[in-house]
């Protein structure tokens, strides 16, 4: 679907009623704005996780209404466990997460999205923003196997040719805590 502002949206179908969606690359505040617009253009209801400081502004009620879920990135807060519970009790629950947890360059992704999708036994949506193509959307749905290396290799292949607004901030597509994940793949923290 082409927007009036020159962006196209992509949505792999069918769209699961319950799923976890990773959004990558996330290097600019514009990703959030364009992402919200795309959510409305596509007409799918989804929730999204963002740093809690966004929810201490006058816009907080709007962000919550639009599906925002605050997360304290400074300490473990049990978010994965709470989201897993929500996935279990709702017939429709889609949640989008930026796996780097920041717009800055990181050397790996946080594993919460992986642990959540695996524990809840829901598909993982591969959402992206590509500034070179002026394209945004969810390009694929995958079922995680629990084989961290194989799953992350498949995810990395999907994202290899996506262009961020600030390419210098894009880190590698790999889990920064994969060793911990292997020891306790479905631990909820």
Protein backbone atom coordinates (compact mmCIF):
# COMPACT_ATOMS: atom_id res chain seq x y z
CA UNK A 1 0.00 0.00 0.00
CA UNK A 2 1.43 3.41 -1.00
CA UNK A 3 0.96 6.41 1.28
CA UNK A 4 0.54 10.00 0.18
CA UNK A 5 3.91 10.80 1.81
CA UNK A 6 5.79 8.39 -0.45
CA UNK A 7 6.13 5.37 1.85
CA UNK A 8 4.86 1.86 1.11
CA UNK A 9 3.57 -0.58 3.70
CA UNK A 10 4.06 -4.32 3.57
CA UNK A 11 2.07 -6.85 5.58
CA UNK A 12 2.74 -10.58 5.30
CA UNK A 13 -0.51 -12.47 5.61
CA UNK A 14 -2.17 -14.09 7.39
CA UNK A 15 -1.64 -11.90 10.45
CA UNK A 16 -1.74 -14.01 13.62
CA UNK A 17 -4.15 -12.90 16.35
CA UNK A 18 -1.45 -13.51 18.96
CA UNK A 19 2.21 -12.83 18.21
CA UNK A 20 5.43 -11.06 19.10
CA UNK A 21 6.84 -8.64 16.53
CA UNK A 22 10.43 -7.39 16.41
CA UNK A 23 10.97 -4.00 14.79
CA UNK A 24 14.45 -3.48 13.33
CA UNK A 25 16.43 -1.38 12.61
CA UNK A 26 15.46 1.30 15.12
CA UNK A 27 17.97 4.17 14.94
CA UNK A 28 15.89 7.35 14.91
CA UNK A 29 12.90 8.98 16.59
CA UNK A 30 11.35 9.09 13.11
CA UNK A 31 11.06 5.28 13.22
CA UNK A 32 8.46 5.67 15.98
CA UNK A 33 6.45 8.30 14.11
CA UNK A 34 6.52 6.41 10.81
CA UNK A 35 5.80 3.16 12.67
CA UNK A 36 2.67 4.58 14.30
CA UNK A 37 1.46 5.91 10.96
CA UNK A 38 2.06 2.50 9.37
CA UNK A 39 0.15 0.77 12.17
CA UNK A 40 -2.86 2.95 11.39
CA UNK A 41 -2.50 2.61 7.61
CA UNK A 42 -2.31 -1.19 7.91
CA UNK A 43 -5.27 -1.21 10.28
CA UNK A 44 -3.88 -3.82 12.66
CA UNK A 45 -4.21 -3.43 16.38
CA UNK A 46 -0.92 -4.00 18.13
CA UNK A 47 0.72 -2.96 21.33
CA UNK A 48 4.28 -1.69 21.50
CA UNK A 49 6.93 -1.53 24.19
CA UNK A 50 8.82 1.71 24.80
CA UNK A 51 11.03 3.23 27.48
CA UNK A 52 9.09 4.37 30.52
CA UNK A 53 10.31 7.97 30.26
CA UNK A 54 8.00 8.43 27.24
CA UNK A 55 5.11 7.74 29.58
CA UNK A 56 6.09 10.56 31.96
CA UNK A 57 5.13 13.24 29.45
CA UNK A 58 1.82 14.92 28.65
CA UNK A 59 1.52 12.49 25.72
CA UNK A 60 1.41 9.44 28.02
CA UNK A 61 -2.39 8.97 27.86
CA UNK A 62 -2.25 9.02 24.05
CA UNK A 63 0.65 6.58 23.94
CA UNK A 64 -1.24 4.15 26.18
CA UNK A 65 -4.40 4.54 24.09
CA UNK A 66 -2.37 3.82 20.95
CA UNK A 67 -1.06 0.58 22.49
CA UNK A 68 2.05 1.72 24.35
CA UNK A 69 3.45 -0.37 27.19
CA UNK A 70 6.15 1.30 29.32
CA UNK A 71 9.28 -0.63 30.29
CA UNK A 72 11.95 0.28 32.82
CA UNK A 73 15.16 -0.46 30.91
CA UNK A 74 17.33 0.23 33.95
CA UNK A 75 16.30 -2.88 35.90
CA UNK A 76 14.58 -6.20 35.44
CA UNK A 77 10.86 -5.71 35.87
CA UNK A 78 9.26 -9.02 34.88
CA UNK A 79 7.98 -7.60 31.60
CA UNK A 80 8.47 -10.85 29.66
CA UNK A 81 6.41 -12.78 32.22
CA UNK A 82 3.64 -10.17 32.25
CA UNK A 83 3.44 -10.10 28.46
CA UNK A 84 3.42 -13.90 28.32
CA UNK A 85 0.41 -13.86 30.67
CA UNK A 86 -1.34 -11.34 28.41
CA UNK A 87 -0.69 -13.50 25.36
CA UNK A 88 -2.21 -16.46 27.19
CA UNK A 89 -5.43 -14.74 28.30
CA UNK A 90 -6.32 -12.63 25.27
CA UNK A 91 -7.72 -13.99 22.00
CA UNK A 92 -6.00 -11.10 20.22
CA UNK A 93 -2.69 -9.75 21.49
CA UNK A 94 0.10 -8.53 19.25
CA UNK A 95 3.12 -6.84 20.80
CA UNK A 96 5.96 -5.06 18.98
CA UNK A 97 9.42 -4.71 20.51
CA UNK A 98 12.60 -3.00 19.31
CA UNK A 99 15.06 -5.79 20.16
CA UNK A 100 18.07 -3.50 20.64
CA UNK A 101 16.21 -1.65 23.41
CA UNK A 102 17.62 1.69 22.20
CA UNK A 103 18.20 3.82 19.11
CA UNK A 104 21.96 3.70 19.74
CA UNK A 105 24.30 1.07 18.34
CA UNK A 106 24.47 -2.12 20.38
CA UNK A 107 26.53 -5.25 19.91
CA UNK A 108 23.51 -7.50 20.26
CA UNK A 109 19.78 -7.69 20.80
CA UNK A 110 18.11 -8.21 24.15
CA UNK A 111 16.58 -11.68 24.34
CA UNK A 112 13.18 -10.73 25.79
CA UNK A 113 11.39 -10.94 22.45
CA UNK A 114 12.84 -14.41 21.84
CA UNK A 115 12.03 -15.73 25.31
CA UNK A 116 8.53 -14.30 25.08
CA UNK A 117 7.65 -15.77 21.67
CA UNK A 118 9.14 -19.14 22.62
CA UNK A 119 7.42 -19.34 26.02
CA UNK A 120 4.06 -18.15 24.68
CA UNK A 121 4.39 -20.44 21.64
CA UNK A 122 3.38 -17.67 19.25
CA UNK A 123 4.79 -16.64 15.87
CA UNK A 124 7.48 -14.01 15.61
CA UNK A 125 6.81 -11.21 13.15
CA UNK A 126 9.78 -9.64 11.40
CA UNK A 127 8.93 -5.94 11.09
CA UNK A 128 11.26 -3.45 9.50
CA UNK A 129 11.75 0.06 8.31
CA UNK A 130 13.82 0.61 5.18
CA UNK A 131 14.68 4.21 4.40
CA UNK A 132 16.37 3.37 1.08
CA UNK A 133 13.18 1.78 -0.25
CA UNK A 134 10.84 4.04 1.80
CA UNK A 135 9.14 0.89 2.99
CA UNK A 136 7.86 -0.27 6.37
CA UNK A 137 5.93 -3.29 7.50
CA UNK A 138 5.94 -6.87 8.65
CA UNK A 139 7.66 -8.92 5.99
CA UNK A 140 7.51 -12.43 7.44
CA UNK A 141 6.23 -14.60 10.26
CA UNK A 142 8.43 -17.36 11.67
CA UNK A 143 8.04 -20.04 14.31
CA UNK A 144 11.00 -20.12 16.66
CA UNK A 145 12.51 -23.56 17.16
CA UNK A 146 14.46 -22.97 20.36
CA UNK A 147 17.72 -23.44 18.45
CA UNK A 148 19.04 -19.94 19.16
CA UNK A 149 21.80 -19.99 16.54
CA UNK A 150 19.55 -21.28 13.74
CA UNK A 151 16.68 -18.95 14.62
CA UNK A 152 18.92 -15.89 14.84
CA UNK A 153 20.60 -16.82 11.54
CA UNK A 154 17.17 -16.87 9.86
CA UNK A 155 16.30 -13.52 11.41
CA UNK A 156 19.65 -12.03 10.35
CA UNK A 157 19.10 -13.19 6.76
CA UNK A 158 15.76 -11.38 6.68
CA UNK A 159 17.24 -8.10 7.93
CA UNK A 160 20.53 -8.12 5.99
CA UNK A 161 19.45 -5.64 3.30
CA UNK A 162 17.33 -3.20 5.33
CA UNK A 163 18.61 0.38 5.50
CA UNK A 164 18.23 2.39 8.70
CA UNK A 165 17.85 6.15 8.85
CA UNK A 166 21.20 6.22 10.69
CA UNK A 167 23.13 3.18 9.39
CA UNK A 168 26.10 3.90 11.67
CA UNK A 169 23.87 3.01 14.64
CA UNK A 170 22.95 -0.47 13.37
CA UNK A 171 24.60 -3.28 15.28
CA UNK A 172 24.73 -6.97 14.46
CA UNK A 173 21.62 -9.14 14.49
CA UNK A 174 22.49 -11.47 17.35
CA UNK A 175 21.48 -11.90 20.97
CA UNK A 176 23.73 -10.12 23.45
CA UNK A 177 22.90 -12.68 26.14
CA UNK A 178 22.61 -15.88 24.08
CA UNK A 179 24.67 -17.89 26.60
CA UNK A 180 22.21 -17.07 29.38
CA UNK A 181 19.31 -17.84 27.06
CA UNK A 182 20.66 -21.31 26.28
CA UNK A 183 20.83 -22.10 29.99
CA UNK A 184 17.25 -20.99 30.67
CA UNK A 185 15.40 -20.45 27.39
CA UNK A 186 11.99 -19.71 28.82
CA UNK A 187 12.96 -18.01 32.07
CA UNK A 188 10.72 -15.06 32.70
CA UNK A 189 12.48 -11.92 33.87
